[in-house]
C-alpha atoms as a PDB file:
ATOM      1  CA  MET A   1      52.039   3.171 -37.037  1.00  0.00           C
ATOM      2  CA  PRO A   2      51.469   6.013 -39.505  1.00  0.00           C
ATOM      3  CA  ASN A   3      51.211   9.555 -38.246  1.00  0.00           C
ATOM      4  CA  ILE A   4      47.886  10.586 -39.792  1.00  0.00           C
ATOM      5  CA  LYS A   5      46.601  14.094 -39.076  1.00  0.00           C
ATOM      6  CA  ASN A   6      43.143  15.642 -39.457  1.00  0.00           C
ATOM      7  CA  LYS A   7      43.818  19.298 -40.338  1.00  0.00           C
ATOM      8  CA  ALA A   8      45.750  20.294 -43.443  1.00  0.00           C
ATOM      9  CA  GLU A   9      45.444  24.072 -43.413  1.00  0.00           C
ATOM     10  CA  GLY A  10      47.942  25.647 -45.827  1.00  0.00           C
ATOM     11  CA  MET A  11      50.013  22.506 -46.325  1.00  0.00           C
ATOM     12  CA  THR A  12      51.295  21.016 -49.554  1.00  0.00           C
ATOM     13  CA  CYS A  13      52.367  17.472 -50.270  1.00  0.00           C
ATOM     14  CA  PHE A  14      56.147  17.262 -50.557  1.00  0.00           C
ATOM     15  CA  VAL A  15      55.855  14.725 -53.412  1.00  0.00           C
ATOM     16  CA  CYS A  16      53.242  16.174 -55.786  1.00  0.00           C
ATOM     17  CA  GLU A  17      53.393  19.722 -54.338  1.00  0.00           C
ATOM     18  CA  THR A  18      49.631  20.159 -54.498  1.00  0.00           C
ATOM     19  CA  SER A  19      47.661  21.732 -51.703  1.00  0.00           C
ATOM     20  CA  ILE A  20      46.357  19.159 -49.270  1.00  0.00           C
ATOM     21  CA  THR A  21      42.617  19.710 -49.102  1.00  0.00           C
ATOM     22  CA  ASP A  22      41.628  16.284 -47.807  1.00  0.00           C
ATOM     23  CA  THR A  23      40.778  15.981 -44.176  1.00  0.00           C
ATOM     24  CA  LEU A  24      43.338  13.202 -43.747  1.00  0.00           C
ATOM     25  CA  PHE A  25      47.035  13.317 -44.564  1.00  0.00           C
ATOM     26  CA  MET A  26      50.176  12.022 -42.938  1.00  0.00           C
ATOM     27  CA  ILE A  27      53.575  13.265 -41.885  1.00  0.00           C
ATOM     28  CA  HIS A  28      56.311  11.192 -43.537  1.00  0.00           C
ATOM     29  CA  SER A  29      58.352   9.444 -40.838  1.00  0.00           C
ATOM     30  CA  GLN A  30      61.764   9.910 -42.492  1.00  0.00           C
ATOM     31  CA  VAL A  31      61.629  13.489 -43.758  1.00  0.00           C
ATOM     32  CA  HIS A  32      58.903  14.853 -41.441  1.00  0.00           C
ATOM     33  CA  LEU A  33      57.025  16.588 -44.253  1.00  0.00           C
ATOM     34  CA  PRO A  34      53.300  16.438 -45.120  1.00  0.00           C
ATOM     35  CA  LEU A  35      52.279  13.677 -47.522  1.00  0.00           C
ATOM     36  CA  CYS A  36      48.882  13.310 -49.187  1.00  0.00           C
ATOM     37  CA  LEU A  37      47.354   9.858 -49.076  1.00  0.00           C
ATOM     38  CA  ALA A  38      47.335   9.663 -52.906  1.00  0.00           C
ATOM     39  CA  CYS A  39      51.162   9.781 -52.964  1.00  0.00           C
ATOM     40  CA  LYS A  40      51.629   7.331 -50.100  1.00  0.00           C
ATOM     41  CA  GLU A  41      53.758   4.290 -51.038  1.00  0.00           C
ATOM     42  CA  THR A  42      54.279   5.352 -54.662  1.00  0.00           C
ATOM     43  CA  ASN A  43      57.513   5.283 -56.640  1.00  0.00           C
ATOM     44  CA  GLN A  44      57.419   9.083 -56.780  1.00  0.00           C
ATOM     45  CA  GLU A  45      57.388   9.203 -52.976  1.00  0.00           C
ATOM     46  CA  LYS A  46      60.374   6.859 -52.737  1.00  0.00           C
ATOM     47  CA  ASP A  47      62.315   8.882 -55.320  1.00  0.00           C
ATOM     48  CA  LYS A  48      61.571  12.193 -53.587  1.00  0.00           C
ATOM     49  CA  VAL A  49      62.604  10.818 -50.168  1.00  0.00           C
ATOM     50  CA  LYS A  50      65.838   9.491 -51.653  1.00  0.00           C
ATOM     51  CA  GLU A  51      66.508  12.876 -53.285  1.00  0.00           C
ATOM     52  CA  LEU A  52      65.869  14.782 -50.052  1.00  0.00           C
ATOM     53  CA  LEU A  53      67.985  12.463 -47.914  1.00  0.00           C
ATOM     54  CA  GLU A  54      70.901  12.543 -50.369  1.00  0.00           C
ATOM     55  CA  GLY A  55      70.820  16.340 -50.291  1.00  0.00           C
ATOM     56  CA  LEU A  56      71.344  16.395 -46.515  1.00  0.00           C
ATOM     57  CA  ALA A  57      74.972  15.269 -46.773  1.00  0.00           C
ATOM     58  CA  GLU A  58      76.047  17.808 -49.395  1.00  0.00           C
ATOM     59  CA  ASP A  59      78.653  20.328 -48.195  1.00  0.00           C
ATOM     60  CA  LEU A  60      78.999  18.475 -44.900  1.00  0.00           C
ATOM     61  CA  GLY A  61      82.542  17.938 -43.722  1.00  0.00           C
ATOM     62  CA  ILE A  62      83.034  14.932 -41.490  1.00  0.00           C
ATOM     63  CA  GLY A  63      86.297  14.206 -39.756  1.00  0.00           C
ATOM     64  CA  CYS A  64      88.059  13.614 -36.510  1.00  0.00           C
ATOM     65  CA  ILE A  65      89.196  16.433 -34.270  1.00  0.00           C
END
């Protein structure tokens, strides 16, 4: 179930980086950032999510203690 919100005061879409002025927008379930409905389920959205998630593991050292 999508997490659609009603108030978008001062928020920008993490994909197109434009100010969200519509009354409806959603919070992306993987990256927890605001997403305008125009960018929902587009290739640009998928690319941006992939880019953000790949960046999380940079400079992270994983090992056993």
